[in-house]
C-alpha atoms as a PDB file:
ATOM      1  CA  MET A   1       0.000   0.000   0.000  1.00  0.00           C
ATOM      2  CA  GLN A   2       1.275   3.439  -0.941  1.00  0.00           C
ATOM      3  CA  LYS A   3       2.196   5.512   2.109  1.00  0.00           C
ATOM      4  CA  ARG A   4       0.490   8.824   2.681  1.00  0.00           C
ATOM      5  CA  LYS A   5       2.608  11.896   2.033  1.00  0.00           C
ATOM      6  CA  ALA A   6       2.076  15.553   2.889  1.00  0.00           C
ATOM      7  CA  LEU A   7       2.140  18.615   0.637  1.00  0.00           C
ATOM      8  CA  LEU A   8       2.703  22.215   1.644  1.00  0.00           C
ATOM      9  CA  VAL A   9       1.044  24.192  -1.106  1.00  0.00           C
ATOM     10  CA  GLY A  10       3.494  27.115  -1.000  1.00  0.00           C
ATOM     11  CA  SER A  11       3.489  30.117   1.300  1.00  0.00           C
ATOM     12  CA  LEU A  12       4.224  29.990   5.043  1.00  0.00           C
ATOM     13  CA  PRO A  13       3.950  32.815   7.607  1.00  0.00           C
ATOM     14  CA  PHE A  14       7.391  32.706   9.225  1.00  0.00           C
ATOM     15  CA  ASP A  15      10.247  35.226   9.267  1.00  0.00           C
ATOM     16  CA  ASN A  16      12.137  34.219   6.136  1.00  0.00           C
ATOM     17  CA  GLU A  17      12.563  31.420   3.627  1.00  0.00           C
ATOM     18  CA  LYS A  18      15.185  29.591   5.647  1.00  0.00           C
ATOM     19  CA  GLU A  19      12.963  29.470   8.731  1.00  0.00           C
ATOM     20  CA  CYS A  20      10.007  28.315   6.611  1.00  0.00           C
ATOM     21  CA  MET A  21      11.955  25.419   5.120  1.00  0.00           C
ATOM     22  CA  SER A  22      13.555  24.507   8.432  1.00  0.00           C
ATOM     23  CA  ARG A  23      10.204  24.366  10.242  1.00  0.00           C
ATOM     24  CA  ALA A  24       8.629  22.363   7.434  1.00  0.00           C
ATOM     25  CA  LEU A  25      11.424  19.792   7.538  1.00  0.00           C
ATOM     26  CA  ASP A  26      11.366  19.607  11.345  1.00  0.00           C
ATOM     27  CA  MET A  27       7.597  19.127  11.562  1.00  0.00           C
ATOM     28  CA  LEU A  28       6.940  16.960   8.505  1.00  0.00           C
ATOM     29  CA  GLY A  29      10.359  15.588   7.541  1.00  0.00           C
ATOM     30  CA  SER A  30      10.365  12.674   5.138  1.00  0.00           C
ATOM     31  CA  LYS A  31       6.554  12.794   4.890  1.00  0.00           C
ATOM     32  CA  LEU A  32       6.853  15.761   2.524  1.00  0.00           C
ATOM     33  CA  LEU A  33       6.378  15.204  -1.183  1.00  0.00           C
ATOM     34  CA  CYS A  34       8.541  18.254  -1.889  1.00  0.00           C
ATOM     35  CA  VAL A  35       9.568  21.420  -0.056  1.00  0.00           C
ATOM     36  CA  PRO A  36       8.571  25.008  -0.934  1.00  0.00           C
ATOM     37  CA  ASP A  37      10.654  27.903   0.351  1.00  0.00           C
ATOM     38  CA  GLY A  38       7.677  29.578   2.051  1.00  0.00           C
ATOM     39  CA  GLU A  39       7.398  32.439  -0.446  1.00  0.00           C
ATOM     40  CA  ILE A  40       8.193  35.354   1.859  1.00  0.00           C
ATOM     41  CA  GLY A  41      10.099  37.652  -0.482  1.00  0.00           C
ATOM     42  CA  GLU A  42      11.200  41.151   0.437  1.00  0.00           C
ATOM     43  CA  LYS A  43       9.899  42.653   3.677  1.00  0.00           C
ATOM     44  CA  THR A  44       9.569  46.418   3.406  1.00  0.00           C
ATOM     45  CA  PRO A  45       7.426  49.114   5.059  1.00  0.00           C
ATOM     46  CA  ALA A  46       5.055  48.736   2.094  1.00  0.00           C
ATOM     47  CA  PHE A  47       4.909  44.922   2.486  1.00  0.00           C
ATOM     48  CA  PRO A  48       5.734  44.196   6.143  1.00  0.00           C
ATOM     49  CA  LYS A  49       4.995  40.451   5.857  1.00  0.00           C
ATOM     50  CA  GLY A  50       6.792  40.080   2.527  1.00  0.00           C
ATOM     51  CA  ASP A  51       5.758  40.668  -1.065  1.00  0.00           C
ATOM     52  CA  ARG A  52       5.419  36.979  -2.095  1.00  0.00           C
ATOM     53  CA  ILE A  53       2.843  35.813   0.445  1.00  0.00           C
ATOM     54  CA  ALA A  54      -0.232  36.111  -1.771  1.00  0.00           C
ATOM     55  CA  TRP A  55       0.036  34.081  -4.959  1.00  0.00           C
ATOM     56  CA  VAL A  56       0.063  36.238  -8.112  1.00  0.00           C
ATOM     57  CA  VAL A  57       0.183  39.550  -6.225  1.00  0.00           C
ATOM     58  CA  TYR A  58       3.995  39.467  -6.346  1.00  0.00           C
ATOM     59  CA  ALA A  59       3.970  39.361 -10.161  1.00  0.00           C
ATOM     60  CA  LEU A  60       1.335  42.104 -10.378  1.00  0.00           C
ATOM     61  CA  GLU A  61       3.429  44.377  -8.186  1.00  0.00           C
ATOM     62  CA  LYS A  62       6.525  43.731 -10.325  1.00  0.00           C
ATOM     63  CA  ILE A  63       4.867  44.826 -13.547  1.00  0.00           C
ATOM     64  CA  THR A  64       3.203  47.821 -11.851  1.00  0.00           C
ATOM     65  CA  GLN A  65       6.681  49.229 -11.141  1.00  0.00           C
ATOM     66  CA  ASP A  66       7.542  49.340 -14.871  1.00  0.00           C
ATOM     67  CA  GLU A  67       6.161  52.697 -15.994  1.00  0.00           C
ATOM     68  CA  LYS A  68       7.581  52.290 -19.518  1.00  0.00           C
ATOM     69  CA  SER A  69       5.497  49.178 -20.135  1.00  0.00           C
ATOM     70  CA  TRP A  70       2.379  49.794 -18.040  1.00  0.00           C
ATOM     71  CA  LYS A  71       0.095  52.695 -17.195  1.00  0.00           C
ATOM     72  CA  ILE A  72      -1.850  52.634 -13.945  1.00  0.00           C
ATOM     73  CA  VAL A  73      -5.466  53.575 -14.616  1.00  0.00           C
ATOM     74  CA  LYS A  74      -6.758  52.703 -11.153  1.00  0.00           C
ATOM     75  CA  GLN A  75      -4.797  52.601  -7.914  1.00  0.00           C
ATOM     76  CA  PRO A  76      -5.307  49.636  -5.582  1.00  0.00           C
ATOM     77  CA  THR A  77      -6.973  49.921  -2.207  1.00  0.00           C
ATOM     78  CA  ARG A  78      -4.372  48.415   0.093  1.00  0.00           C
ATOM     79  CA  GLY A  79      -4.577  46.856   3.528  1.00  0.00           C
ATOM     80  CA  ALA A  80      -2.021  46.823   6.330  1.00  0.00           C
ATOM     81  CA  ASP A  81      -0.037  44.047   4.622  1.00  0.00           C
ATOM     82  CA  GLY A  82       0.351  46.122   1.461  1.00  0.00           C
ATOM     83  CA  MET A  83      -1.898  43.862  -0.606  1.00  0.00           C
ATOM     84  CA  ALA A  84      -5.211  44.886  -2.124  1.00  0.00           C
ATOM     85  CA  ILE A  85      -7.989  44.539   0.438  1.00  0.00           C
ATOM     86  CA  ASP A  86      -9.944  42.043  -1.705  1.00  0.00           C
ATOM     87  CA  TYR A  87     -10.350  40.655  -5.223  1.00  0.00           C
ATOM     88  CA  ASP A  88     -12.191  43.794  -6.403  1.00  0.00           C
ATOM     89  CA  HIS A  89      -9.551  46.306  -5.353  1.00  0.00           C
ATOM     90  CA  PHE A  90      -6.397  45.327  -7.250  1.00  0.00           C
ATOM     91  CA  GLN A  91      -4.636  47.999  -9.270  1.00  0.00           C
ATOM     92  CA  LYS A  92      -5.802  48.212 -12.870  1.00  0.00           C
ATOM     93  CA  LEU A  93      -3.253  48.595 -15.646  1.00  0.00           C
ATOM     94  CA  THR A  94      -3.178  49.134 -19.371  1.00  0.00           C
ATOM     95  CA  PRO A  95      -0.183  47.889 -21.388  1.00  0.00           C
ATOM     96  CA  LEU A  96       2.059  50.259 -23.330  1.00  0.00           C
ATOM     97  CA  ARG A  97       3.642  47.499 -25.430  1.00  0.00           C
ATOM     98  CA  THR A  98       2.163  44.893 -27.767  1.00  0.00           C
ATOM     99  CA  PRO A  99       1.805  41.253 -26.666  1.00  0.00           C
ATOM    100  CA  SER A 100       4.718  40.261 -28.917  1.00  0.00           C
ATOM    101  CA  GLU A 101       6.958  42.980 -27.443  1.00  0.00           C
ATOM    102  CA  MET A 102       6.011  42.540 -23.790  1.00  0.00           C
ATOM    103  CA  PRO A 103       7.966  39.363 -22.841  1.00  0.00           C
ATOM    104  CA  ALA A 104      11.279  41.054 -23.619  1.00  0.00           C
ATOM    105  CA  HIS A 105      10.447  43.766 -21.078  1.00  0.00           C
ATOM    106  CA  VAL A 106       9.027  41.626 -18.247  1.00  0.00           C
ATOM    107  CA  HIS A 107      11.326  39.912 -15.748  1.00  0.00           C
ATOM    108  CA  LEU A 108       9.381  38.696 -12.741  1.00  0.00           C
ATOM    109  CA  GLY A 109      12.262  37.090 -10.841  1.00  0.00           C
ATOM    110  CA  TYR A 110      10.837  33.745  -9.730  1.00  0.00           C
ATOM    111  CA  ASP A 111      14.109  32.243 -10.936  1.00  0.00           C
ATOM    112  CA  LYS A 112      16.104  34.741  -8.874  1.00  0.00           C
ATOM    113  CA  TYR A 113      14.288  33.759  -5.685  1.00  0.00           C
ATOM    114  CA  PHE A 114      14.979  30.143  -6.565  1.00  0.00           C
ATOM    115  CA  GLU A 115      18.707  30.939  -6.834  1.00  0.00           C
ATOM    116  CA  LYS A 116      18.616  32.333  -3.280  1.00  0.00           C
ATOM    117  CA  SER A 117      16.545  29.577  -1.691  1.00  0.00           C
ATOM    118  CA  TYR A 118      17.775  26.414  -3.393  1.00  0.00           C
ATOM    119  CA  PRO A 119      21.279  26.358  -1.845  1.00  0.00           C
ATOM    120  CA  VAL A 120      19.694  27.013   1.575  1.00  0.00           C
ATOM    121  CA  PHE A 121      17.338  24.093   0.990  1.00  0.00           C
ATOM    122  CA  GLN A 122      20.227  21.801   0.030  1.00  0.00           C
ATOM    123  CA  GLY A 123      22.124  22.818   3.166  1.00  0.00           C
ATOM    124  CA  LEU A 124      19.111  22.090   5.378  1.00  0.00           C
ATOM    125  CA  LEU A 125      18.693  18.601   3.897  1.00  0.00           C
ATOM    126  CA  GLN A 126      22.290  17.831   4.738  1.00  0.00           C
ATOM    127  CA  GLU A 127      22.077  19.384   8.203  1.00  0.00           C
ATOM    128  CA  LYS A 128      18.919  17.469   9.140  1.00  0.00           C
ATOM    129  CA  GLU A 129      20.140  14.209   7.599  1.00  0.00           C
ATOM    130  CA  LEU A 130      16.944  13.717   5.640  1.00  0.00           C
ATOM    131  CA  PRO A 131      16.612  11.639   2.479  1.00  0.00           C
ATOM    132  CA  LYS A 132      16.967  13.459  -0.770  1.00  0.00           C
ATOM    133  CA  MET A 133      13.887  15.575  -1.456  1.00  0.00           C
ATOM    134  CA  LYS A 134      12.737  17.714  -4.326  1.00  0.00           C
ATOM    135  CA  PHE A 135      12.403  21.466  -4.178  1.00  0.00           C
ATOM    136  CA  GLN A 136       9.019  22.942  -5.067  1.00  0.00           C
ATOM    137  CA  VAL A 137       8.447  26.206  -6.926  1.00  0.00           C
ATOM    138  CA  GLY A 138       4.955  27.561  -7.454  1.00  0.00           C
ATOM    139  CA  PHE A 139       3.899  29.496 -10.560  1.00  0.00           C
ATOM    140  CA  PRO A 140       0.630  30.959 -11.789  1.00  0.00           C
ATOM    141  CA  THR A 141      -0.208  30.932 -15.473  1.00  0.00           C
ATOM    142  CA  GLY A 142      -0.459  34.035 -17.617  1.00  0.00           C
ATOM    143  CA  PHE A 143      -4.223  33.935 -17.237  1.00  0.00           C
ATOM    144  CA  ALA A 144      -3.899  34.873 -13.568  1.00  0.00           C
ATOM    145  CA  MET A 145      -2.298  38.195 -14.526  1.00  0.00           C
ATOM    146  CA  GLY A 146      -5.710  39.294 -15.748  1.00  0.00           C
ATOM    147  CA  PHE A 147      -6.600  40.531 -12.264  1.00  0.00           C
ATOM    148  CA  ALA A 148      -4.539  43.651 -13.059  1.00  0.00           C
ATOM    149  CA  PHE A 149      -5.946  44.438 -16.499  1.00  0.00           C
ATOM    150  CA  ALA A 150      -8.432  47.258 -16.934  1.00  0.00           C
ATOM    151  CA  SER A 151      -9.806  45.538 -20.059  1.00  0.00           C
ATOM    152  CA  GLN A 152     -10.935  41.922 -20.293  1.00  0.00           C
ATOM    153  CA  ILE A 153      -9.997  41.872 -23.976  1.00  0.00           C
ATOM    154  CA  GLN A 154      -6.440  42.912 -23.075  1.00  0.00           C
ATOM    155  CA  TRP A 155      -6.444  40.237 -20.358  1.00  0.00           C
ATOM    156  CA  LEU A 156      -7.044  37.566 -22.970  1.00  0.00           C
ATOM    157  CA  ARG A 157      -4.623  39.083 -25.496  1.00  0.00           C
ATOM    158  CA  TYR A 158      -1.705  39.141 -23.033  1.00  0.00           C
ATOM    159  CA  THR A 159      -2.270  35.762 -21.351  1.00  0.00           C
ATOM    160  CA  TYR A 160       0.084  33.899 -23.687  1.00  0.00           C
ATOM    161  CA  ALA A 161       2.703  36.660 -23.547  1.00  0.00           C
ATOM    162  CA  PHE A 162       2.914  36.171 -19.797  1.00  0.00           C
ATOM    163  CA  ASN A 163       3.086  32.409 -20.292  1.00  0.00           C
ATOM    164  CA  THR A 164       6.235  33.067 -22.329  1.00  0.00           C
ATOM    165  CA  VAL A 165       7.705  34.948 -19.355  1.00  0.00           C
ATOM    166  CA  PHE A 166       6.748  32.267 -16.831  1.00  0.00           C
ATOM    167  CA  ALA A 167       8.098  29.493 -19.058  1.00  0.00           C
ATOM    168  CA  ARG A 168      11.396  31.339 -19.471  1.00  0.00           C
ATOM    169  CA  GLU A 169      11.856  31.525 -15.701  1.00  0.00           C
ATOM    170  CA  ILE A 170      10.723  27.909 -15.204  1.00  0.00           C
ATOM    171  CA  ASN A 171      13.233  26.761 -17.798  1.00  0.00           C
ATOM    172  CA  ALA A 172      15.993  28.726 -16.060  1.00  0.00           C
ATOM    173  CA  ILE A 173      15.132  26.943 -12.794  1.00  0.00           C
ATOM    174  CA  LYS A 174      15.069  23.543 -14.486  1.00  0.00           C
ATOM    175  CA  ALA A 175      18.458  24.235 -16.071  1.00  0.00           C
ATOM    176  CA  GLN A 176      19.949  24.666 -12.590  1.00  0.00           C
ATOM    177  CA  ALA A 177      18.046  22.048 -10.564  1.00  0.00           C
ATOM    178  CA  GLY A 178      17.492  19.361 -13.187  1.00  0.00           C
ATOM    179  CA  ASP A 179      15.304  16.562 -11.823  1.00  0.00           C
ATOM    180  CA  ASN A 180      15.441  17.913  -8.254  1.00  0.00           C
ATOM    181  CA  VAL A 181      12.608  20.407  -8.698  1.00  0.00           C
ATOM    182  CA  ILE A 182       8.838  20.126  -9.029  1.00  0.00           C
ATOM    183  CA  ILE A 183       7.060  23.030 -10.690  1.00  0.00           C
ATOM    184  CA  GLN A 184       3.647  23.583  -9.128  1.00  0.00           C
ATOM    185  CA  LEU A 185       1.148  25.296 -11.420  1.00  0.00           C
ATOM    186  CA  GLU A 186      -1.533  27.151  -9.473  1.00  0.00           C
ATOM    187  CA  VAL A 187      -4.763  27.595 -11.385  1.00  0.00           C
ATOM    188  CA  PRO A 188      -7.550  29.359  -9.436  1.00  0.00           C
ATOM    189  CA  ALA A 189      -8.302  31.693 -12.359  1.00  0.00           C
ATOM    190  CA  GLU A 190      -8.767  28.757 -14.729  1.00  0.00           C
ATOM    191  CA  LEU A 191     -10.898  26.843 -12.239  1.00  0.00           C
ATOM    192  CA  TYR A 192     -13.015  29.959 -11.715  1.00  0.00           C
ATOM    193  CA  ALA A 193     -13.495  30.247 -15.482  1.00  0.00           C
ATOM    194  CA  ALA A 194     -14.493  26.587 -15.661  1.00  0.00           C
ATOM    195  CA  HIS A 195     -17.170  27.200 -13.038  1.00  0.00           C
ATOM    196  CA  MET A 196     -18.514  30.222 -14.934  1.00  0.00           C
ATOM    197  CA  LEU A 197     -18.567  28.552 -18.370  1.00  0.00           C
ATOM    198  CA  PRO A 198     -21.139  25.991 -19.535  1.00  0.00           C
ATOM    199  CA  ALA A 199     -19.876  22.474 -18.923  1.00  0.00           C
ATOM    200  CA  LEU A 200     -19.361  21.857 -22.656  1.00  0.00           C
ATOM    201  CA  LEU A 201     -16.886  24.763 -22.782  1.00  0.00           C
ATOM    202  CA  THR A 202     -14.692  23.596 -19.901  1.00  0.00           C
ATOM    203  CA  GLY A 203     -11.859  22.995 -22.365  1.00  0.00           C
ATOM    204  CA  LEU A 204     -11.558  26.743 -22.978  1.00  0.00           C
ATOM    205  CA  ALA A 205     -10.483  27.217 -19.355  1.00  0.00           C
ATOM    206  CA  LEU A 206      -7.619  24.763 -19.879  1.00  0.00           C
ATOM    207  CA  LYS A 207      -6.016  26.652 -22.762  1.00  0.00           C
ATOM    208  CA  PRO A 208      -3.719  28.876 -20.644  1.00  0.00           C
ATOM    209  CA  ILE A 209      -2.427  25.817 -18.742  1.00  0.00           C
ATOM    210  CA  LEU A 210      -1.759  23.825 -21.897  1.00  0.00           C
ATOM    211  CA  ASP A 211      -0.065  26.794 -23.572  1.00  0.00           C
ATOM    212  CA  LEU A 212       2.288  27.240 -20.621  1.00  0.00           C
ATOM    213  CA  LEU A 213       3.068  23.524 -20.559  1.00  0.00           C
ATOM    214  CA  SER A 214       3.908  23.661 -24.265  1.00  0.00           C
ATOM    215  CA  LYS A 215       6.506  26.374 -23.601  1.00  0.00           C
ATOM    216  CA  ILE A 216       8.290  24.531 -20.773  1.00  0.00           C
ATOM    217  CA  ASP A 217      11.302  22.495 -21.822  1.00  0.00           C
ATOM    218  CA  PRO A 218      10.515  18.740 -22.069  1.00  0.00           C
ATOM    219  CA  GLY A 219      11.052  16.553 -19.039  1.00  0.00           C
ATOM    220  CA  ALA A 220       9.528  18.782 -16.363  1.00  0.00           C
ATOM    221  CA  GLU A 221       7.879  17.314 -13.281  1.00  0.00           C
ATOM    222  CA  ILE A 222       4.662  19.255 -12.712  1.00  0.00           C
ATOM    223  CA  GLY A 223       2.256  19.386  -9.797  1.00  0.00           C
ATOM    224  CA  ILE A 224      -1.180  20.936 -10.236  1.00  0.00           C
ATOM    225  CA  HIS A 225      -2.668  22.971  -7.396  1.00  0.00           C
ATOM    226  CA  LEU A 226      -6.369  23.257  -8.109  1.00  0.00           C
ATOM    227  CA  CYS A 227      -7.475  26.252  -6.077  1.00  0.00           C
ATOM    228  CA  LEU A 228     -10.774  27.850  -5.117  1.00  0.00           C
ATOM    229  CA  GLY A 229      -9.041  31.106  -4.181  1.00  0.00           C
ATOM    230  CA  ASP A 230      -7.725  32.082  -0.763  1.00  0.00           C
ATOM    231  CA  PHE A 231      -6.886  35.798  -0.985  1.00  0.00           C
ATOM    232  CA  HIS A 232      -7.287  37.239   2.526  1.00  0.00           C
ATOM    233  CA  ASN A 233      -8.877  33.916   3.460  1.00  0.00           C
ATOM    234  CA  GLU A 234     -11.773  34.478   1.032  1.00  0.00           C
ATOM    235  CA  ALA A 235     -12.568  31.996  -1.744  1.00  0.00           C
ATOM    236  CA  LEU A 236     -13.344  32.921  -5.352  1.00  0.00           C
ATOM    237  CA  ILE A 237     -15.554  29.881  -5.875  1.00  0.00           C
ATOM    238  CA  HIS A 238     -18.165  28.179  -3.690  1.00  0.00           C
ATOM    239  CA  PRO A 239     -19.094  24.985  -5.557  1.00  0.00           C
ATOM    240  CA  LYS A 240     -22.089  23.044  -4.255  1.00  0.00           C
ATOM    241  CA  THR A 241     -20.684  19.742  -5.515  1.00  0.00           C
ATOM    242  CA  LEU A 242     -17.342  18.372  -6.719  1.00  0.00           C
ATOM    243  CA  ASP A 243     -18.648  17.455 -10.169  1.00  0.00           C
ATOM    244  CA  ARG A 244     -17.224  20.426 -12.061  1.00  0.00           C
ATOM    245  CA  ILE A 245     -13.770  20.228 -10.523  1.00  0.00           C
ATOM    246  CA  VAL A 246     -13.661  16.504 -11.340  1.00  0.00           C
ATOM    247  CA  ARG A 247     -14.652  17.275 -14.940  1.00  0.00           C
ATOM    248  CA  PHE A 248     -11.966  19.979 -15.105  1.00  0.00           C
ATOM    249  CA  SER A 249      -9.156  17.762 -13.800  1.00  0.00           C
ATOM    250  CA  ASN A 250     -10.162  14.794 -15.939  1.00  0.00           C
ATOM    251  CA  LEU A 251     -10.093  16.933 -19.074  1.00  0.00           C
ATOM    252  CA  LEU A 252      -6.692  18.300 -18.075  1.00  0.00           C
ATOM    253  CA  VAL A 253      -5.358  14.758 -17.660  1.00  0.00           C
ATOM    254  CA  GLU A 254      -6.910  13.729 -20.978  1.00  0.00           C
ATOM    255  CA  THR A 255      -5.082  16.564 -22.778  1.00  0.00           C
ATOM    256  CA  TRP A 256      -1.856  16.384 -20.724  1.00  0.00           C
ATOM    257  CA  PRO A 257       1.277  16.704 -22.908  1.00  0.00           C
ATOM    258  CA  PRO A 258       3.387  13.527 -22.879  1.00  0.00           C
ATOM    259  CA  GLN A 259       6.680  15.408 -22.573  1.00  0.00           C
ATOM    260  CA  HIS A 260       5.988  16.275 -18.919  1.00  0.00           C
ATOM    261  CA  LYS A 261       5.261  14.144 -15.861  1.00  0.00           C
ATOM    262  CA  LEU A 262       2.159  14.971 -13.813  1.00  0.00           C
ATOM    263  CA  ALA A 263       3.558  14.440 -10.309  1.00  0.00           C
ATOM    264  CA  TYR A 264       0.395  15.220  -8.333  1.00  0.00           C
ATOM    265  CA  MET A 265      -3.082  16.664  -8.552  1.00  0.00           C
ATOM    266  CA  HIS A 266      -4.066  18.732  -5.509  1.00  0.00           C
ATOM    267  CA  TYR A 267      -7.799  19.108  -4.852  1.00  0.00           C
ATOM    268  CA  PRO A 268      -9.112  21.843  -2.525  1.00  0.00           C
ATOM    269  CA  PHE A 269     -11.982  20.828  -0.250  1.00  0.00           C
ATOM    270  CA  ALA A 270     -12.087  23.842   2.076  1.00  0.00           C
ATOM    271  CA  GLU A 271     -13.176  27.222   0.746  1.00  0.00           C
ATOM    272  CA  ALA A 272     -10.644  29.480   2.464  1.00  0.00           C
ATOM    273  CA  GLN A 273     -12.174  30.261   5.893  1.00  0.00           C
ATOM    274  CA  MET A 274     -15.061  27.859   5.215  1.00  0.00           C
ATOM    275  CA  PRO A 275     -14.055  24.352   6.365  1.00  0.00           C
ATOM    276  CA  PRO A 276     -14.657  21.284   4.191  1.00  0.00           C
ATOM    277  CA  SER A 277     -17.893  19.331   4.204  1.00  0.00           C
ATOM    278  CA  GLU A 278     -18.229  16.601   6.815  1.00  0.00           C
ATOM    279  CA  LYS A 279     -20.803  14.724   4.718  1.00  0.00           C
ATOM    280  CA  ALA A 280     -19.484  11.451   3.297  1.00  0.00           C
ATOM    281  CA  ALA A 281     -21.769  11.758   0.250  1.00  0.00           C
ATOM    282  CA  HIS A 282     -20.021  14.987  -0.780  1.00  0.00           C
ATOM    283  CA  TYR A 283     -16.896  13.011  -1.699  1.00  0.00           C
ATOM    284  CA  LYS A 284     -18.517  10.300  -3.827  1.00  0.00           C
ATOM    285  CA  PRO A 285     -17.558  12.040  -7.140  1.00  0.00           C
ATOM    286  CA  LEU A 286     -13.888  11.450  -6.293  1.00  0.00           C
ATOM    287  CA  LYS A 287     -14.233   7.878  -7.546  1.00  0.00           C
ATOM    288  CA  ASP A 288     -14.575   9.301 -11.064  1.00  0.00           C
ATOM    289  CA  ILE A 289     -11.209  11.101 -11.050  1.00  0.00           C
ATOM    290  CA  GLN A 290      -8.872   9.770 -13.728  1.00  0.00           C
ATOM    291  CA  LEU A 291      -5.123  10.043 -13.075  1.00  0.00           C
ATOM    292  CA  PRO A 292      -2.019   8.425 -14.560  1.00  0.00           C
ATOM    293  CA  GLY A 293      -0.793   5.482 -12.498  1.00  0.00           C
ATOM    294  CA  ASP A 294       2.214   7.369 -11.133  1.00  0.00           C
ATOM    295  CA  THR A 295       0.346  10.601 -10.301  1.00  0.00           C
ATOM    296  CA  ARG A 296      -0.457  11.200  -6.628  1.00  0.00           C
ATOM    297  CA  PHE A 297      -3.823  12.487  -5.476  1.00  0.00           C
ATOM    298  CA  VAL A 298      -3.441  15.186  -2.808  1.00  0.00           C
ATOM    299  CA  ALA A 299      -6.476  16.047  -0.682  1.00  0.00           C
ATOM    300  CA  GLY A 300      -6.503  19.661   0.504  1.00  0.00           C
ATOM    301  CA  PHE A 301      -8.806  19.544   3.502  1.00  0.00           C
ATOM    302  CA  VAL A 302      -6.852  20.133   6.738  1.00  0.00           C
ATOM    303  CA  HIS A 303      -8.500  23.114   8.435  1.00  0.00           C
ATOM    304  CA  GLU A 304      -8.094  25.059  11.651  1.00  0.00           C
ATOM    305  CA  ALA A 305     -11.865  25.217  12.261  1.00  0.00           C
ATOM    306  CA  TYR A 306     -11.808  21.501  13.149  1.00  0.00           C
ATOM    307  CA  ASP A 307      -9.833  19.570  15.715  1.00  0.00           C
ATOM    308  CA  LEU A 308      -7.663  16.626  14.745  1.00  0.00           C
ATOM    309  CA  ASP A 309     -10.441  14.068  15.177  1.00  0.00           C
ATOM    310  CA  ARG A 310     -12.850  15.935  12.891  1.00  0.00           C
ATOM    311  CA  ASN A 311     -10.092  16.384  10.312  1.00  0.00           C
ATOM    312  CA  ARG A 312      -9.470  12.640  10.517  1.00  0.00           C
ATOM    313  CA  VAL A 313     -13.157  11.912   9.825  1.00  0.00           C
ATOM    314  CA  ILE A 314     -12.974  14.079   6.701  1.00  0.00           C
ATOM    315  CA  ARG A 315      -9.796  12.305   5.583  1.00  0.00           C
ATOM    316  CA  ASP A 316     -11.551   8.967   5.953  1.00  0.00           C
ATOM    317  CA  ASN A 317     -14.590  10.225   4.017  1.00  0.00           C
ATOM    318  CA  ILE A 318     -12.310  11.421   1.221  1.00  0.00           C
ATOM    319  CA  GLU A 319     -10.468   8.106   1.106  1.00  0.00           C
ATOM    320  CA  ASN A 320     -13.738   6.169   1.068  1.00  0.00           C
ATOM    321  CA  GLY A 321     -15.009   8.343  -1.766  1.00  0.00           C
ATOM    322  CA  ARG A 322     -11.769   8.021  -3.707  1.00  0.00           C
ATOM    323  CA  GLY A 323     -11.378   4.318  -2.965  1.00  0.00           C
ATOM    324  CA  SER A 324      -7.750   4.586  -1.865  1.00  0.00           C
ATOM    325  CA  ILE A 325      -5.526   6.384   0.586  1.00  0.00           C
ATOM    326  CA  VAL A 326      -4.683   9.991  -0.288  1.00  0.00           C
ATOM    327  CA  ASP A 327      -1.927  12.470   0.417  1.00  0.00           C
ATOM    328  CA  ILE A 328      -2.573  15.213   2.963  1.00  0.00           C
ATOM    329  CA  ALA A 329      -2.610  18.999   2.519  1.00  0.00           C
ATOM    330  CA  CYS A 330      -4.445  22.179   3.330  1.00  0.00           C
ATOM    331  CA  SER A 331      -6.533  23.747   0.591  1.00  0.00           C
ATOM    332  CA  CYS A 332      -4.056  26.535  -0.088  1.00  0.00           C
ATOM    333  CA  GLY A 333      -0.831  28.088   1.156  1.00  0.00           C
ATOM    334  CA  LEU A 334      -0.570  29.109   4.810  1.00  0.00           C
ATOM    335  CA  GLY A 335       1.090  32.497   4.319  1.00  0.00           C
ATOM    336  CA  ARG A 336      -2.054  34.393   5.262  1.00  0.00           C
ATOM    337  CA  ARG A 337      -2.495  32.451   8.531  1.00  0.00           C
ATOM    338  CA  THR A 338      -0.744  33.318  11.795  1.00  0.00           C
ATOM    339  CA  PRO A 339       2.451  31.408  12.632  1.00  0.00           C
ATOM    340  CA  ALA A 340       0.607  29.659  15.473  1.00  0.00           C
ATOM    341  CA  ILE A 341      -2.240  28.466  13.232  1.00  0.00           C
ATOM    342  CA  ALA A 342       0.181  27.391  10.496  1.00  0.00           C
ATOM    343  CA  SER A 343       2.205  25.364  12.999  1.00  0.00           C
ATOM    344  CA  ARG A 344      -0.953  23.700  14.319  1.00  0.00           C
ATOM    345  CA  LEU A 345      -2.055  22.778  10.811  1.00  0.00           C
ATOM    346  CA  MET A 346       1.358  21.310  10.024  1.00  0.00           C
ATOM    347  CA  GLN A 347       1.103  19.199  13.196  1.00  0.00           C
ATOM    348  CA  PHE A 348      -2.315  17.995  12.009  1.00  0.00           C
ATOM    349  CA  MET A 349      -0.857  17.137   8.601  1.00  0.00           C
ATOM    350  CA  ALA A 350       1.890  15.071  10.220  1.00  0.00           C
ATOM    351  CA  ALA A 351      -0.643  13.129  12.309  1.00  0.00           C
ATOM    352  CA  LEU A 352      -3.099  12.668   9.450  1.00  0.00           C
ATOM    353  CA  SER A 353      -0.432  11.285   7.128  1.00  0.00           C
ATOM    354  CA  GLU A 354       0.368   8.448   9.531  1.00  0.00           C
END
């Protein structure tokens, strides 16, 4: 029987990347599928908790600083952490370059953060005498950049230009880490689109993912983080059933490019601050999920609203619905939680993966 593993989706709320990785390895150790660096970034008066803690916000802030390529047409409404206060109050931009020109002028720096964190990660593995593990780097697709566009038409026109930028930085990471890195693609915008579109048009929501995959050098190991949204602990999507997300992931697997390995598929079962359903019937659609034989199914359900016993009941309901054991995760990154809550959830994950 396959052993349960644990997945940290990305961000963690500790002081810096080294502390994030060290705590993750201390609390979860060899149970981890792979290790993210915690996605803290630069702490400044404008972003006191770091500028990487909230998914695509880091990339949006990077392009906002480039006044030669972008014009701000609406300023964001920011909270104490420097981020927009909600999904409706991001900055709105209009591009000053064409889609074909833009990639040459956009450098987001995901690869530069990798260069800082990866040697620290390697040192921690040696220090803690843990088996060889893979490093994890999370990326959005170009479709996620649409949150900053003033025009929906421009959003669509520039999606593939941003995929070119993301692929360039992914390929730079792969060139340095080889087989020791898993690239996690985070797709809340695509999943949102799939929930808004008629079921027959679900394939349209997959196009940004497939385009990005086509631009990544062959041989990448990819994890998919299906996400309902978690910005400021608020979800974008509140699905009544799991049917649409199952349809979405099955179609993604059906169209998956053979040059890349699908390492895992992460399903979110909590909706940010809303904990996952405790009803066993809710998880029956999981039996219909189609995955390659070597792809792991990661259940994102661990939630601070429930104690360990209630989380264990949900795990068992998920496994009964799926018909096999599953890997353990929260529904999203923990960077927006307090350090105390994040530590508690990591303790739960360790216990639940036994």
